[in-house]
């Protein structure tokens, strides 16, 4: 009699990546839930994973809370997602004004003027708004993760010194699903 395979360990990195990948690539399409405005305070943020599931869509949860990565081009080619909707509403994925806010907590993260075309398949910005983003070295030391400084939601990674012609020579490579666009400038 063969032993059954071991049960996956809840929270294991591999399990989270597989579940997140399935959710983003082939899982049922769930419309993004409305952004819950929690600007400026972490007091009203969910304190449990179950709480975050009431605020975020399954795809947003996979990226923001479990550090998954959406597929390259997902934001631009998927109806309902950031860059697809920007192109539909403004005619461009590079609006001249406005801000990009954290989809988890509503904190303003990037000014629209800092967005640029890096050709990488994900939204790219050369700098965040002051104090809005934390940089956290990945455990392997190869990359630097960027997270929202208010809710610690995973945004993507920052790459420095790649030679992009922008004021900082940085590329914040951000999962579009982690962001919401607001045409109003932040206060």
Protein backbone atom coordinates (compact mmCIF):
# COMPACT_ATOMS: atom_id res chain seq x y z
CA UNK A 1 0.00 0.00 0.00
CA UNK A 2 1.48 3.34 -1.06
CA UNK A 3 1.59 6.23 1.34
CA UNK A 4 -0.48 9.22 0.32
CA UNK A 5 1.52 12.28 -0.74
CA UNK A 6 2.18 14.74 2.04
CA UNK A 7 -0.32 17.53 2.37
CA UNK A 8 0.97 20.89 1.17
CA UNK A 9 2.21 23.11 3.94
CA UNK A 10 -0.10 26.09 4.35
CA UNK A 11 1.80 29.21 3.42
CA UNK A 12 4.64 27.46 1.61
CA UNK A 13 6.15 29.64 -1.09
CA UNK A 14 5.75 27.03 -3.83
CA UNK A 15 2.10 26.44 -3.02
CA UNK A 16 1.38 30.17 -2.96
CA UNK A 17 3.08 30.67 -6.33
CA UNK A 18 1.22 27.78 -7.95
CA UNK A 19 -2.14 28.92 -6.60
CA UNK A 20 -1.42 32.52 -7.61
CA UNK A 21 -0.27 31.50 -11.08
CA UNK A 22 -3.42 29.46 -11.63
CA UNK A 23 -5.60 32.28 -10.39
CA UNK A 24 -3.97 34.81 -12.71
CA UNK A 25 -3.71 32.62 -15.80
CA UNK A 26 -6.74 30.39 -15.89
CA UNK A 27 -8.83 30.90 -12.83
CA UNK A 28 -12.30 32.31 -13.04
CA UNK A 29 -12.35 35.98 -13.87
CA UNK A 30 -13.55 37.91 -10.87
CA UNK A 31 -14.14 41.60 -11.32
CA UNK A 32 -11.99 43.77 -9.11
CA UNK A 33 -13.77 44.82 -5.98
CA UNK A 34 -14.19 48.55 -5.38
CA UNK A 35 -11.21 50.20 -3.78
CA UNK A 36 -11.74 50.64 -0.07
CA UNK A 37 -10.36 54.06 0.80
CA UNK A 38 -8.03 53.80 3.75
CA UNK A 39 -5.60 56.59 2.92
CA UNK A 40 -3.15 57.78 5.49
CA UNK A 41 -3.82 55.27 8.23
CA UNK A 42 -3.05 51.63 8.77
CA UNK A 43 -5.56 51.53 11.68
CA UNK A 44 -8.48 50.57 9.43
CA UNK A 45 -6.60 47.95 7.39
CA UNK A 46 -7.64 44.30 7.64
CA UNK A 47 -5.65 42.48 10.33
CA UNK A 48 -6.15 38.95 8.99
CA UNK A 49 -5.88 37.14 5.67
CA UNK A 50 -9.66 36.57 5.75
CA UNK A 51 -10.09 40.31 6.19
CA UNK A 52 -7.96 41.02 3.12
CA UNK A 53 -10.07 38.55 1.12
CA UNK A 54 -13.11 40.76 1.76
CA UNK A 55 -11.28 43.82 0.38
CA UNK A 56 -9.35 42.35 -2.58
CA UNK A 57 -10.27 40.22 -5.57
CA UNK A 58 -8.63 36.77 -5.61
CA UNK A 59 -6.07 37.97 -8.17
CA UNK A 60 -5.26 41.11 -6.18
CA UNK A 61 -4.91 38.99 -3.04
CA UNK A 62 -2.49 36.62 -4.79
CA UNK A 63 -0.22 39.50 -5.80
CA UNK A 64 -0.57 42.02 -2.95
CA UNK A 65 -0.66 39.60 -0.02
CA UNK A 66 1.09 36.45 -1.36
CA UNK A 67 3.71 38.16 -3.55
CA UNK A 68 2.68 36.49 -6.80
CA UNK A 69 3.57 38.06 -10.15
CA UNK A 70 1.00 38.68 -12.84
CA UNK A 71 2.00 37.48 -16.33
CA UNK A 72 3.82 39.96 -18.57
CA UNK A 73 1.28 42.05 -20.49
CA UNK A 74 -1.63 41.04 -18.23
CA UNK A 75 -2.46 44.60 -17.18
CA UNK A 76 -2.52 45.87 -20.76
CA UNK A 77 -4.43 43.02 -22.41
CA UNK A 78 -7.02 42.04 -19.78
CA UNK A 79 -10.36 43.87 -19.66
CA UNK A 80 -10.91 45.44 -16.24
CA UNK A 81 -7.19 45.75 -15.47
CA UNK A 82 -5.17 48.95 -15.05
CA UNK A 83 -3.50 49.60 -18.40
CA UNK A 84 -6.32 48.11 -20.48
CA UNK A 85 -8.81 50.45 -18.81
CA UNK A 86 -6.47 53.44 -19.09
CA UNK A 87 -6.21 52.91 -22.84
CA UNK A 88 -10.00 52.61 -23.08
CA UNK A 89 -10.74 55.72 -21.01
CA UNK A 90 -7.88 58.05 -21.94
CA UNK A 91 -6.56 56.63 -25.22
CA UNK A 92 -3.14 55.99 -23.65
CA UNK A 93 -1.60 53.99 -20.85
CA UNK A 94 0.49 57.10 -20.05
CA UNK A 95 -1.86 59.81 -18.75
CA UNK A 96 -0.39 63.30 -18.32
CA UNK A 97 -1.67 63.77 -14.79
CA UNK A 98 -3.08 61.88 -11.84
CA UNK A 99 -1.73 59.32 -9.39
CA UNK A 100 -1.48 55.58 -9.06
CA UNK A 101 -2.73 54.32 -5.70
CA UNK A 102 -2.28 51.04 -3.87
CA UNK A 103 -5.18 48.73 -4.74
CA UNK A 104 -5.08 47.41 -1.18
CA UNK A 105 -5.30 50.58 0.88
CA UNK A 106 -5.64 53.57 -1.45
CA UNK A 107 -2.29 55.15 -0.54
CA UNK A 108 -0.95 57.33 -3.40
CA UNK A 109 2.24 55.64 -4.64
CA UNK A 110 3.27 57.10 -8.02
CA UNK A 111 2.67 60.31 -9.93
CA UNK A 112 1.50 59.74 -13.50
CA UNK A 113 4.48 61.76 -14.78
CA UNK A 114 6.90 59.15 -13.37
CA UNK A 115 5.48 56.37 -15.56
CA UNK A 116 7.55 55.40 -18.60
CA UNK A 117 7.69 52.74 -21.31
CA UNK A 118 10.40 50.28 -20.30
CA UNK A 119 9.28 47.56 -22.71
CA UNK A 120 9.23 45.00 -19.89
CA UNK A 121 5.52 44.06 -20.04
CA UNK A 122 4.63 45.56 -16.65
CA UNK A 123 3.89 49.17 -15.69
CA UNK A 124 7.18 50.98 -14.95
CA UNK A 125 7.88 54.12 -12.92
CA UNK A 126 11.16 55.88 -12.23
CA UNK A 127 10.28 56.95 -8.68
CA UNK A 128 7.56 56.68 -6.07
CA UNK A 129 5.99 59.49 -4.11
CA UNK A 130 8.06 60.45 -1.04
CA UNK A 131 7.66 57.89 1.76
CA UNK A 132 5.06 55.83 -0.12
CA UNK A 133 7.19 52.80 -1.02
CA UNK A 134 9.51 50.61 1.01
CA UNK A 135 12.38 48.67 -0.54
CA UNK A 136 13.01 45.19 0.89
CA UNK A 137 15.91 43.01 -0.32
CA UNK A 138 14.73 39.58 -1.53
CA UNK A 139 15.98 36.69 0.59
CA UNK A 140 18.31 35.55 -2.21
CA UNK A 141 19.87 39.01 -2.50
CA UNK A 142 19.28 39.10 -6.26
CA UNK A 143 16.46 41.66 -6.38
CA UNK A 144 14.82 44.34 -4.27
CA UNK A 145 11.10 44.03 -3.61
CA UNK A 146 8.94 47.15 -3.39
CA UNK A 147 5.93 47.26 -1.07
CA UNK A 148 3.36 49.87 -0.09
CA UNK A 149 4.63 51.59 3.05
CA UNK A 150 1.11 51.74 4.50
CA UNK A 151 -0.22 48.17 4.06
CA UNK A 152 2.94 46.27 3.04
CA UNK A 153 1.21 45.10 -0.14
CA UNK A 154 3.61 43.60 -2.70
CA UNK A 155 3.99 45.89 -5.72
CA UNK A 156 6.88 44.34 -7.63
CA UNK A 157 10.63 44.99 -7.77
CA UNK A 158 12.94 47.94 -8.33
CA UNK A 159 15.93 47.74 -10.66
CA UNK A 160 18.68 50.36 -10.58
CA UNK A 161 21.41 51.33 -13.02
CA UNK A 162 19.89 49.75 -16.15
CA UNK A 163 20.59 52.85 -18.26
CA UNK A 164 17.04 54.12 -18.75
CA UNK A 165 16.97 57.80 -19.75
CA UNK A 166 14.98 59.02 -16.77
CA UNK A 167 15.93 61.26 -13.83
CA UNK A 168 16.75 58.36 -11.45
CA UNK A 169 17.95 55.51 -13.73
CA UNK A 170 15.56 53.29 -11.78
CA UNK A 171 12.74 51.06 -12.97
CA UNK A 172 9.98 50.24 -10.52
CA UNK A 173 8.53 47.18 -12.26
CA UNK A 174 5.03 47.02 -10.79
CA UNK A 175 2.21 44.50 -11.11
CA UNK A 176 -0.64 46.48 -12.63
CA UNK A 177 -3.13 44.59 -10.47
CA UNK A 178 -1.49 46.20 -7.40
CA UNK A 179 -2.51 49.68 -8.56
CA UNK A 180 -5.55 51.83 -9.20
CA UNK A 181 -5.40 55.04 -11.25
CA UNK A 182 -6.93 58.29 -10.00
CA UNK A 183 -7.09 61.27 -12.37
CA UNK A 184 -6.83 63.64 -9.40
CA UNK A 185 -3.41 64.59 -8.08
CA UNK A 186 -2.70 63.49 -4.51
CA UNK A 187 -3.01 66.01 -1.72
